[in-house]
Amino acid sequence: MNAPSRQELALMLVWAFRDQKVESAYDPHADALTLYHNVMALPVEEAAAVISCARSGNIPPSDPLMLARWTRGVCLLREIIQQPMCELSIARPERESPAATAA
């Protein structure tokens, strides 16, 4: 699956935070909730910029500092979304060979 473009991601963020009100919804849409949790994984300043801009629909923001934080936040969010899920497996310790224990 291809990662969404920055513009597509911006529209999805506005949908989740402004239209779906994911932060306060009783039973939020699963996609909005997924976006919310991934935004919460961003550094604090970038997350705050993404949330603020998405809530207001101010995409992209006109303030240069907010624009820098927004842009970095969206880029980081795209990287997070592109990562595959971790596959965990239970690993057992290897048994030591008799030669290793004799030494």
PDB file of N, CA and C in Angstrom:
ATOM      1  N   MET A   1       0.841  -1.181   0.000  1.00  0.00           N
ATOM      2  CA  MET A   1       0.000   0.000   0.000  1.00  0.00           C
ATOM      3  C   MET A   1       0.885   1.243   0.000  1.00  0.00           C
ATOM      4  N   ASN A   2       0.557   2.188  -0.854  1.00  0.00           N
ATOM      5  CA  ASN A   2       1.308   3.433  -0.917  1.00  0.00           C
ATOM      6  C   ASN A   2       0.867   4.364   0.193  1.00  0.00           C
ATOM      7  N   ALA A   3       1.829   5.091   0.714  1.00  0.00           N
ATOM      8  CA  ALA A   3       1.509   6.081   1.744  1.00  0.00           C
ATOM      9  C   ALA A   3       0.757   7.234   1.085  1.00  0.00           C
ATOM     10  N   PRO A   4      -0.153   7.841   1.823  1.00  0.00           N
ATOM     11  CA  PRO A   4      -0.869   8.995   1.247  1.00  0.00           C
ATOM     12  C   PRO A   4       0.094  10.155   1.017  1.00  0.00           C
ATOM     13  N   SER A   5      -0.223  10.993   0.041  1.00  0.00           N
ATOM     14  CA  SER A   5       0.576  12.194  -0.179  1.00  0.00           C
ATOM     15  C   SER A   5       0.387  13.128   1.014  1.00  0.00           C
ATOM     16  N   ARG A   6       1.206  14.153   1.097  1.00  0.00           N
ATOM     17  CA  ARG A   6       1.039  15.100   2.208  1.00  0.00           C
ATOM     18  C   ARG A   6      -0.315  15.787   2.141  1.00  0.00           C
ATOM     19  N   GLN A   7      -0.775  16.096   0.929  1.00  0.00           N
ATOM     20  CA  GLN A   7      -2.080  16.739   0.775  1.00  0.00           C
ATOM     21  C   GLN A   7      -3.203  15.800   1.202  1.00  0.00           C
ATOM     22  N   GLU A   8      -3.116  14.539   0.791  1.00  0.00           N
ATOM     23  CA  GLU A   8      -4.134  13.562   1.195  1.00  0.00           C
ATOM     24  C   GLU A   8      -4.134  13.375   2.707  1.00  0.00           C
ATOM     25  N   LEU A   9      -2.943  13.304   3.294  1.00  0.00           N
ATOM     26  CA  LEU A   9      -2.836  13.149   4.738  1.00  0.00           C
ATOM     27  C   LEU A   9      -3.408  14.370   5.452  1.00  0.00           C
ATOM     28  N   ALA A  10      -3.148  15.555   4.917  1.00  0.00           N
ATOM     29  CA  ALA A  10      -3.702  16.779   5.506  1.00  0.00           C
ATOM     30  C   ALA A  10      -5.226  16.733   5.502  1.00  0.00           C
ATOM     31  N   LEU A  11      -5.813  16.305   4.398  1.00  0.00           N
ATOM     32  CA  LEU A  11      -7.275  16.201   4.318  1.00  0.00           C
ATOM     33  C   LEU A  11      -7.808  15.162   5.297  1.00  0.00           C
ATOM     34  N   MET A  12      -7.096  14.059   5.451  1.00  0.00           N
ATOM     35  CA  MET A  12      -7.525  13.023   6.397  1.00  0.00           C
ATOM     36  C   MET A  12      -7.434  13.535   7.830  1.00  0.00           C
ATOM     37  N   LEU A  13      -6.408  14.329   8.129  1.00  0.00           N
ATOM     38  CA  LEU A  13      -6.263  14.886   9.477  1.00  0.00           C
ATOM     39  C   LEU A  13      -7.389  15.864   9.794  1.00  0.00           C
ATOM     40  N   VAL A  14      -7.738  16.710   8.832  1.00  0.00           N
ATOM     41  CA  VAL A  14      -8.863  17.639   9.025  1.00  0.00           C
ATOM     42  C   VAL A  14     -10.147  16.846   9.237  1.00  0.00           C
ATOM     43  N   TRP A  15     -10.329  15.805   8.442  1.00  0.00           N
ATOM     44  CA  TRP A  15     -11.513  14.956   8.594  1.00  0.00           C
ATOM     45  C   TRP A  15     -11.567  14.352  10.002  1.00  0.00           C
ATOM     46  N   ALA A  16     -10.436  13.827  10.478  1.00  0.00           N
ATOM     47  CA  ALA A  16     -10.411  13.155  11.784  1.00  0.00           C
ATOM     48  C   ALA A  16     -10.607  14.138  12.940  1.00  0.00           C
ATOM     49  N   PHE A  17      -9.869  15.248  12.914  1.00  0.00           N
ATOM     50  CA  PHE A  17      -9.885  16.156  14.065  1.00  0.00           C
ATOM     51  C   PHE A  17     -11.018  17.178  14.023  1.00  0.00           C
ATOM     52  N   ARG A  18     -11.355  17.698  12.851  1.00  0.00           N
ATOM     53  CA  ARG A  18     -12.414  18.713  12.786  1.00  0.00           C
ATOM     54  C   ARG A  18     -13.781  18.085  12.532  1.00  0.00           C
ATOM     55  N   ASP A  19     -13.853  17.241  11.506  1.00  0.00           N
ATOM     56  CA  ASP A  19     -15.149  16.699  11.119  1.00  0.00           C
ATOM     57  C   ASP A  19     -15.617  15.563  12.037  1.00  0.00           C
ATOM     58  N   GLN A  20     -14.738  14.638  12.337  1.00  0.00           N
ATOM     59  CA  GLN A  20     -15.099  13.502  13.185  1.00  0.00           C
ATOM     60  C   GLN A  20     -14.944  13.800  14.678  1.00  0.00           C
ATOM     61  N   LYS A  21     -14.229  14.884  15.004  1.00  0.00           N
ATOM     62  CA  LYS A  21     -13.983  15.257  16.413  1.00  0.00           C
ATOM     63  C   LYS A  21     -13.483  14.049  17.208  1.00  0.00           C
ATOM     64  N   VAL A  22     -12.424  13.427  16.655  1.00  0.00           N
ATOM     65  CA  VAL A  22     -11.902  12.177  17.199  1.00  0.00           C
ATOM     66  C   VAL A  22     -11.510  12.276  18.675  1.00  0.00           C
ATOM     67  N   GLU A  23     -11.116  13.444  19.124  1.00  0.00           N
ATOM     68  CA  GLU A  23     -10.672  13.605  20.515  1.00  0.00           C
ATOM     69  C   GLU A  23     -11.816  13.482  21.514  1.00  0.00           C
ATOM     70  N   SER A  24     -13.026  13.813  21.100  1.00  0.00           N
ATOM     71  CA  SER A  24     -14.142  13.806  22.042  1.00  0.00           C
ATOM     72  C   SER A  24     -15.302  12.917  21.614  1.00  0.00           C
ATOM     73  N   ALA A  25     -15.189  12.264  20.469  1.00  0.00           N
ATOM     74  CA  ALA A  25     -16.275  11.426  19.970  1.00  0.00           C
ATOM     75  C   ALA A  25     -16.473  10.212  20.874  1.00  0.00           C
ATOM     76  N   TYR A  26     -17.731   9.846  21.059  1.00  0.00           N
ATOM     77  CA  TYR A  26     -18.054   8.678  21.884  1.00  0.00           C
ATOM     78  C   TYR A  26     -17.550   7.394  21.235  1.00  0.00           C
ATOM     79  N   ASP A  27     -17.798   7.237  19.956  1.00  0.00           N
ATOM     80  CA  ASP A  27     -17.391   6.043  19.222  1.00  0.00           C
ATOM     81  C   ASP A  27     -16.773   6.499  17.895  1.00  0.00           C
ATOM     82  N   PRO A  28     -15.503   6.956  17.931  1.00  0.00           N
ATOM     83  CA  PRO A  28     -14.911   7.529  16.717  1.00  0.00           C
ATOM     84  C   PRO A  28     -14.689   6.480  15.629  1.00  0.00           C
ATOM     85  N   HIS A  29     -14.666   6.940  14.413  1.00  0.00           N
ATOM     86  CA  HIS A  29     -14.376   6.089  13.269  1.00  0.00           C
ATOM     87  C   HIS A  29     -12.987   5.470  13.478  1.00  0.00           C
ATOM     88  N   ALA A  30     -12.818   4.222  13.093  1.00  0.00           N
ATOM     89  CA  ALA A  30     -11.557   3.506  13.322  1.00  0.00           C
ATOM     90  C   ALA A  30     -10.379   4.203  12.638  1.00  0.00           C
ATOM     91  N   ASP A  31     -10.568   4.725  11.434  1.00  0.00           N
ATOM     92  CA  ASP A  31      -9.478   5.415  10.734  1.00  0.00           C
ATOM     93  C   ASP A  31      -9.104   6.707  11.446  1.00  0.00           C
ATOM     94  N   ALA A  32     -10.096   7.424  11.939  1.00  0.00           N
ATOM     95  CA  ALA A  32      -9.823   8.656  12.679  1.00  0.00           C
ATOM     96  C   ALA A  32      -9.051   8.337  13.959  1.00  0.00           C
ATOM     97  N   LEU A  33      -9.431   7.274  14.623  1.00  0.00           N
ATOM     98  CA  LEU A  33      -8.754   6.865  15.851  1.00  0.00           C
ATOM     99  C   LEU A  33      -7.310   6.444  15.571  1.00  0.00           C
ATOM    100  N   THR A  34      -7.094   5.758  14.471  1.00  0.00           N
ATOM    101  CA  THR A  34      -5.737   5.366  14.080  1.00  0.00           C
ATOM    102  C   THR A  34      -4.882   6.607  13.835  1.00  0.00           C
ATOM    103  N   LEU A  35      -5.427   7.576  13.117  1.00  0.00           N
ATOM    104  CA  LEU A  35      -4.686   8.825  12.892  1.00  0.00           C
ATOM    105  C   LEU A  35      -4.384   9.514  14.222  1.00  0.00           C
ATOM    106  N   TYR A  36      -5.369   9.570  15.091  1.00  0.00           N
ATOM    107  CA  TYR A  36      -5.191  10.212  16.397  1.00  0.00           C
ATOM    108  C   TYR A  36      -4.023   9.587  17.165  1.00  0.00           C
ATOM    109  N   HIS A  37      -4.008   8.274  17.256  1.00  0.00           N
ATOM    110  CA  HIS A  37      -2.952   7.603  18.017  1.00  0.00           C
ATOM    111  C   HIS A  37      -1.579   7.818  17.384  1.00  0.00           C
ATOM    112  N   ASN A  38      -1.517   7.853  16.070  1.00  0.00           N
ATOM    113  CA  ASN A  38      -0.241   8.100  15.406  1.00  0.00           C
ATOM    114  C   ASN A  38       0.215   9.541  15.586  1.00  0.00           C
ATOM    115  N   VAL A  39      -0.704  10.475  15.597  1.00  0.00           N
ATOM    116  CA  VAL A  39      -0.343  11.876  15.855  1.00  0.00           C
ATOM    117  C   VAL A  39       0.193  12.008  17.286  1.00  0.00           C
ATOM    118  N   MET A  40      -0.404  11.275  18.209  1.00  0.00           N
ATOM    119  CA  MET A  40       0.052  11.331  19.605  1.00  0.00           C
ATOM    120  C   MET A  40       1.467  10.770  19.766  1.00  0.00           C
ATOM    121  N   ALA A  41       1.939  10.003  18.796  1.00  0.00           N
ATOM    122  CA  ALA A  41       3.298   9.455  18.838  1.00  0.00           C
ATOM    123  C   ALA A  41       4.344  10.444  18.322  1.00  0.00           C
ATOM    124  N   LEU A  42       3.902  11.569  17.770  1.00  0.00           N
ATOM    125  CA  LEU A  42       4.829  12.585  17.262  1.00  0.00           C
ATOM    126  C   LEU A  42       5.456  13.355  18.422  1.00  0.00           C
ATOM    127  N   PRO A  43       6.587  14.015  18.164  1.00  0.00           N
ATOM    128  CA  PRO A  43       7.120  14.927  19.187  1.00  0.00           C
ATOM    129  C   PRO A  43       6.056  15.964  19.568  1.00  0.00           C
ATOM    130  N   VAL A  44       6.111  16.444  20.787  1.00  0.00           N
ATOM    131  CA  VAL A  44       5.055  17.288  21.350  1.00  0.00           C
ATOM    132  C   VAL A  44       4.745  18.514  20.488  1.00  0.00           C
ATOM    133  N   GLU A  45       5.739  19.262  20.072  1.00  0.00           N
ATOM    134  CA  GLU A  45       5.480  20.488  19.311  1.00  0.00           C
ATOM    135  C   GLU A  45       4.850  20.191  17.952  1.00  0.00           C
ATOM    136  N   GLU A  46       5.307  19.127  17.301  1.00  0.00           N
ATOM    137  CA  GLU A  46       4.747  18.763  16.004  1.00  0.00           C
ATOM    138  C   GLU A  46       3.320  18.253  16.167  1.00  0.00           C
ATOM    139  N   ALA A  47       3.084  17.451  17.185  1.00  0.00           N
ATOM    140  CA  ALA A  47       1.727  16.953  17.436  1.00  0.00           C
ATOM    141  C   ALA A  47       0.777  18.112  17.707  1.00  0.00           C
ATOM    142  N   ALA A  48       1.219  19.066  18.511  1.00  0.00           N
ATOM    143  CA  ALA A  48       0.376  20.224  18.822  1.00  0.00           C
ATOM    144  C   ALA A  48       0.059  21.020  17.566  1.00  0.00           C
ATOM    145  N   ALA A  49       1.040  21.201  16.685  1.00  0.00           N
ATOM    146  CA  ALA A  49       0.800  21.937  15.444  1.00  0.00           C
ATOM    147  C   ALA A  49      -0.166  21.188  14.536  1.00  0.00           C
ATOM    148  N   VAL A  50       0.039  19.883  14.400  1.00  0.00           N
ATOM    149  CA  VAL A  50      -0.839  19.081  13.541  1.00  0.00           C
ATOM    150  C   VAL A  50      -2.272  19.131  14.065  1.00  0.00           C
ATOM    151  N   ILE A  51      -2.446  18.953  15.353  1.00  0.00           N
ATOM    152  CA  ILE A  51      -3.788  18.957  15.941  1.00  0.00           C
ATOM    153  C   ILE A  51      -4.448  20.317  15.781  1.00  0.00           C
ATOM    154  N   SER A  52      -3.721  21.377  16.105  1.00  0.00           N
ATOM    155  CA  SER A  52      -4.278  22.726  16.014  1.00  0.00           C
ATOM    156  C   SER A  52      -4.712  23.055  14.590  1.00  0.00           C
ATOM    157  N   CYS A  53      -3.842  22.768  13.633  1.00  0.00           N
ATOM    158  CA  CYS A  53      -4.162  23.075  12.235  1.00  0.00           C
ATOM    159  C   CYS A  53      -5.292  22.194  11.716  1.00  0.00           C
ATOM    160  N   ALA A  54      -5.287  20.922  12.096  1.00  0.00           N
ATOM    161  CA  ALA A  54      -6.334  20.017  11.629  1.00  0.00           C
ATOM    162  C   ALA A  54      -7.688  20.380  12.227  1.00  0.00           C
ATOM    163  N   ARG A  55      -7.703  20.762  13.488  1.00  0.00           N
ATOM    164  CA  ARG A  55      -8.970  21.168  14.122  1.00  0.00           C
ATOM    165  C   ARG A  55      -9.583  22.365  13.415  1.00  0.00           C
ATOM    166  N   SER A  56      -8.730  23.323  13.055  1.00  0.00           N
ATOM    167  CA  SER A  56      -9.231  24.560  12.446  1.00  0.00           C
ATOM    168  C   SER A  56      -9.378  24.461  10.933  1.00  0.00           C
ATOM    169  N   GLY A  57      -8.763  23.459  10.330  1.00  0.00           N
ATOM    170  CA  GLY A  57      -8.774  23.348   8.876  1.00  0.00           C
ATOM    171  C   GLY A  57      -7.809  24.301   8.220  1.00  0.00           C
ATOM    172  N   ASN A  58      -6.916  24.876   9.006  1.00  0.00           N
ATOM    173  CA  ASN A  58      -5.928  25.842   8.525  1.00  0.00           C
ATOM    174  C   ASN A  58      -4.721  25.088   7.951  1.00  0.00           C
ATOM    175  N   ILE A  59      -4.910  24.561   6.739  1.00  0.00           N
ATOM    176  CA  ILE A  59      -3.898  23.725   6.111  1.00  0.00           C
ATOM    177  C   ILE A  59      -3.478  24.367   4.809  1.00  0.00           C
ATOM    178  N   PRO A  60      -2.222  24.657   4.562  1.00  0.00           N
ATOM    179  CA  PRO A  60      -1.146  24.756   5.544  1.00  0.00           C
ATOM    180  C   PRO A  60      -1.248  26.083   6.291  1.00  0.00           C
ATOM    181  N   PRO A  61      -0.695  26.125   7.487  1.00  0.00           N
ATOM    182  CA  PRO A  61      -0.771  27.365   8.266  1.00  0.00           C
ATOM    183  C   PRO A  61       0.063  28.475   7.636  1.00  0.00           C
ATOM    184  N   SER A  62      -0.325  29.706   7.907  1.00  0.00           N
ATOM    185  CA  SER A  62       0.402  30.850   7.339  1.00  0.00           C
ATOM    186  C   SER A  62       1.564  31.297   8.218  1.00  0.00           C
ATOM    187  N   ASP A  63       1.512  31.011   9.505  1.00  0.00           N
ATOM    188  CA  ASP A  63       2.590  31.373  10.415  1.00  0.00           C
ATOM    189  C   ASP A  63       3.820  30.508  10.093  1.00  0.00           C
ATOM    190  N   PRO A  64       5.005  31.126   9.863  1.00  0.00           N
ATOM    191  CA  PRO A  64       6.193  30.357   9.451  1.00  0.00           C
ATOM    192  C   PRO A  64       6.619  29.276  10.456  1.00  0.00           C
ATOM    193  N   LEU A  65       6.580  29.588  11.746  1.00  0.00           N
ATOM    194  CA  LEU A  65       6.976  28.600  12.742  1.00  0.00           C
ATOM    195  C   LEU A  65       5.970  27.447  12.790  1.00  0.00           C
ATOM    196  N   MET A  66       4.695  27.776  12.753  1.00  0.00           N
ATOM    197  CA  MET A  66       3.655  26.749  12.743  1.00  0.00           C
ATOM    198  C   MET A  66       3.758  25.909  11.473  1.00  0.00           C
ATOM    199  N   LEU A  67       4.055  26.551  10.345  1.00  0.00           N
ATOM    200  CA  LEU A  67       4.209  25.840   9.080  1.00  0.00           C
ATOM    201  C   LEU A  67       5.364  24.846   9.161  1.00  0.00           C
ATOM    202  N   ALA A  68       6.469  25.255   9.768  1.00  0.00           N
ATOM    203  CA  ALA A  68       7.624  24.356   9.912  1.00  0.00           C
ATOM    204  C   ALA A  68       7.263  23.154  10.779  1.00  0.00           C
ATOM    205  N   ARG A  69       6.579  23.393  11.893  1.00  0.00           N
ATOM    206  CA  ARG A  69       6.180  22.292  12.780  1.00  0.00           C
ATOM    207  C   ARG A  69       5.149  21.394  12.104  1.00  0.00           C
ATOM    208  N   TRP A  70       4.189  22.010  11.398  1.00  0.00           N
ATOM    209  CA  TRP A  70       3.177  21.249  10.675  1.00  0.00           C
ATOM    210  C   TRP A  70       3.843  20.344   9.637  1.00  0.00           C
ATOM    211  N   THR A  71       4.732  20.926   8.834  1.00  0.00           N
ATOM    212  CA  THR A  71       5.391  20.176   7.765  1.00  0.00           C
ATOM    213  C   THR A  71       6.207  19.021   8.330  1.00  0.00           C
ATOM    214  N   ARG A  72       6.969  19.278   9.382  1.00  0.00           N
ATOM    215  CA  ARG A  72       7.761  18.213  10.000  1.00  0.00           C
ATOM    216  C   ARG A  72       6.837  17.143  10.584  1.00  0.00           C
ATOM    217  N   GLY A  73       5.765  17.567  11.225  1.00  0.00           N
ATOM    218  CA  GLY A  73       4.824  16.616  11.807  1.00  0.00           C
ATOM    219  C   GLY A  73       4.182  15.726  10.758  1.00  0.00           C
ATOM    220  N   VAL A  74       3.763  16.299   9.646  1.00  0.00           N
ATOM    221  CA  VAL A  74       3.132  15.515   8.581  1.00  0.00           C
ATOM    222  C   VAL A  74       4.149  14.562   7.959  1.00  0.00           C
ATOM    223  N   CYS A  75       5.377  15.025   7.770  1.00  0.00           N
ATOM    224  CA  CYS A  75       6.412  14.144   7.210  1.00  0.00           C
ATOM    225  C   CYS A  75       6.699  12.971   8.148  1.00  0.00           C
ATOM    226  N   LEU A  76       6.812  13.252   9.443  1.00  0.00           N
ATOM    227  CA  LEU A  76       7.027  12.181  10.411  1.00  0.00           C
ATOM    228  C   LEU A  76       5.840  11.232  10.449  1.00  0.00           C
ATOM    229  N   LEU A  77       4.646  11.777  10.370  1.00  0.00           N
ATOM    230  CA  LEU A  77       3.447  10.960  10.388  1.00  0.00           C
ATOM    231  C   LEU A  77       3.401  10.035   9.178  1.00  0.00           C
ATOM    232  N   ARG A  78       3.783  10.531   8.026  1.00  0.00           N
ATOM    233  CA  ARG A  78       3.841   9.688   6.824  1.00  0.00           C
ATOM    234  C   ARG A  78       4.819   8.545   7.019  1.00  0.00           C
ATOM    235  N   GLU A  79       5.969   8.821   7.649  1.00  0.00           N
ATOM    236  CA  GLU A  79       6.950   7.767   7.908  1.00  0.00           C
ATOM    237  C   GLU A  79       6.386   6.722   8.862  1.00  0.00           C
ATOM    238  N   ILE A  80       5.692   7.165   9.892  1.00  0.00           N
ATOM    239  CA  ILE A  80       5.095   6.237  10.857  1.00  0.00           C
ATOM    240  C   ILE A  80       4.079   5.341  10.157  1.00  0.00           C
ATOM    241  N   ILE A  81       3.240   5.935   9.334  1.00  0.00           N
ATOM    242  CA  ILE A  81       2.181   5.189   8.659  1.00  0.00           C
ATOM    243  C   ILE A  81       2.755   4.160   7.687  1.00  0.00           C
ATOM    244  N   GLN A  82       3.912   4.452   7.099  1.00  0.00           N
ATOM    245  CA  GLN A  82       4.517   3.539   6.128  1.00  0.00           C
ATOM    246  C   GLN A  82       5.178   2.327   6.775  1.00  0.00           C
ATOM    247  N   GLN A  83       5.444   2.379   8.062  1.00  0.00           N
ATOM    248  CA  GLN A  83       6.141   1.280   8.725  1.00  0.00           C
ATOM    249  C   GLN A  83       5.248   0.054   8.835  1.00  0.00           C
ATOM    250  N   PRO A  84       5.832  -1.121   8.552  1.00  0.00           N
ATOM    251  CA  PRO A  84       5.030  -2.341   8.731  1.00  0.00           C
ATOM    252  C   PRO A  84       4.847  -2.629  10.217  1.00  0.00           C
ATOM    253  N   MET A  85       3.837  -3.369  10.509  1.00  0.00           N
ATOM    254  CA  MET A  85       3.615  -3.767  11.898  1.00  0.00           C
ATOM    255  C   MET A  85       4.762  -4.674  12.336  1.00  0.00           C
ATOM    256  N   CYS A  86       5.114  -4.584  13.585  1.00  0.00           N
ATOM    257  CA  CYS A  86       6.167  -5.447  14.110  1.00  0.00           C
ATOM    258  C   CYS A  86       5.659  -6.878  14.176  1.00  0.00           C
ATOM    259  N   GLU A  87       6.515  -7.791  13.838  1.00  0.00           N
ATOM    260  CA  GLU A  87       6.186  -9.196  14.001  1.00  0.00           C
ATOM    261  C   GLU A  87       7.008  -9.709  15.158  1.00  0.00           C
ATOM    262  N   LEU A  88       6.341 -10.104  16.197  1.00  0.00           N
ATOM    263  CA  LEU A  88       7.019 -10.592  17.378  1.00  0.00           C
ATOM    264  C   LEU A  88       6.947 -12.109  17.413  1.00  0.00           C
ATOM    265  N   SER A  89       8.022 -12.717  17.854  1.00  0.00           N
ATOM    266  CA  SER A  89       8.009 -14.159  18.035  1.00  0.00           C
ATOM    267  C   SER A  89       8.758 -14.473  19.318  1.00  0.00           C
ATOM    268  N   ILE A  90       8.352 -15.527  19.948  1.00  0.00           N
ATOM    269  CA  ILE A  90       9.007 -15.928  21.187  1.00  0.00           C
ATOM    270  C   ILE A  90      10.278 -16.667  20.813  1.00  0.00           C
ATOM    271  N   ALA A  91      11.369 -16.162  21.287  1.00  0.00           N
ATOM    272  CA  ALA A  91      12.659 -16.789  21.001  1.00  0.00           C
ATOM    273  C   ALA A  91      13.141 -17.496  22.255  1.00  0.00           C
ATOM    274  N   ARG A  92      13.583 -18.705  22.068  1.00  0.00           N
ATOM    275  CA  ARG A  92      14.133 -19.454  23.191  1.00  0.00           C
ATOM    276  C   ARG A  92      15.640 -19.307  23.160  1.00  0.00           C
ATOM    277  N   PRO A  93      16.265 -19.240  24.312  1.00  0.00           N
ATOM    278  CA  PRO A  93      17.717 -19.125  24.317  1.00  0.00           C
ATOM    279  C   PRO A  93      18.350 -20.373  23.711  1.00  0.00           C
ATOM    280  N   GLU A  94      19.406 -20.135  22.982  1.00  0.00           N
ATOM    281  CA  GLU A  94      20.109 -21.269  22.387  1.00  0.00           C
ATOM    282  C   GLU A  94      20.812 -22.043  23.487  1.00  0.00           C
ATOM    283  N   ARG A  95      20.795 -23.337  23.336  1.00  0.00           N
ATOM    284  CA  ARG A  95      21.508 -24.159  24.306  1.00  0.00           C
ATOM    285  C   ARG A  95      22.991 -24.058  24.029  1.00  0.00           C
ATOM    286  N   GLU A  96      23.739 -23.987  25.089  1.00  0.00           N
ATOM    287  CA  GLU A  96      25.176 -23.913  24.921  1.00  0.00           C
ATOM    288  C   GLU A  96      25.693 -25.274  24.487  1.00  0.00           C
ATOM    289  N   SER A  97      26.661 -25.263  23.604  1.00  0.00           N
ATOM    290  CA  SER A  97      27.248 -26.523  23.143  1.00  0.00           C
ATOM    291  C   SER A  97      28.116 -27.090  24.260  1.00  0.00           C
ATOM    292  N   PRO A  98      28.284 -28.401  24.322  1.00  0.00           N
ATOM    293  CA  PRO A  98      29.109 -29.014  25.376  1.00  0.00           C
ATOM    294  C   PRO A  98      30.533 -28.482  25.358  1.00  0.00           C
ATOM    295  N   ALA A  99      31.052 -28.136  24.188  1.00  0.00           N
ATOM    296  CA  ALA A  99      32.421 -27.627  24.109  1.00  0.00           C
ATOM    297  C   ALA A  99      32.524 -26.257  24.779  1.00  0.00           C
ATOM    298  N   ALA A 100      31.474 -25.453  24.665  1.00  0.00           N
ATOM    299  CA  ALA A 100      31.501 -24.117  25.269  1.00  0.00           C
ATOM    300  C   ALA A 100      31.444 -24.208  26.775  1.00  0.00           C
ATOM    301  N   THR A 101      30.730 -25.179  27.317  1.00  0.00           N
ATOM    302  CA  THR A 101      30.635 -25.289  28.773  1.00  0.00           C
ATOM    303  C   THR A 101      31.867 -25.937  29.371  1.00  0.00           C
ATOM    304  N   ALA A 102      32.612 -26.715  28.587  1.00  0.00           N
ATOM    305  CA  ALA A 102      33.806 -27.376  29.088  1.00  0.00           C
ATOM    306  C   ALA A 102      34.971 -26.416  29.190  1.00  0.00           C
ATOM    307  N   ALA A 103      34.931 -25.351  28.461  1.00  0.00           N
ATOM    308  CA  ALA A 103      36.076 -24.419  28.433  1.00  0.00           C
ATOM    309  C   ALA A 103      36.174 -23.585  29.652  1.00  0.00           C
TER     310      ALA A 103
END
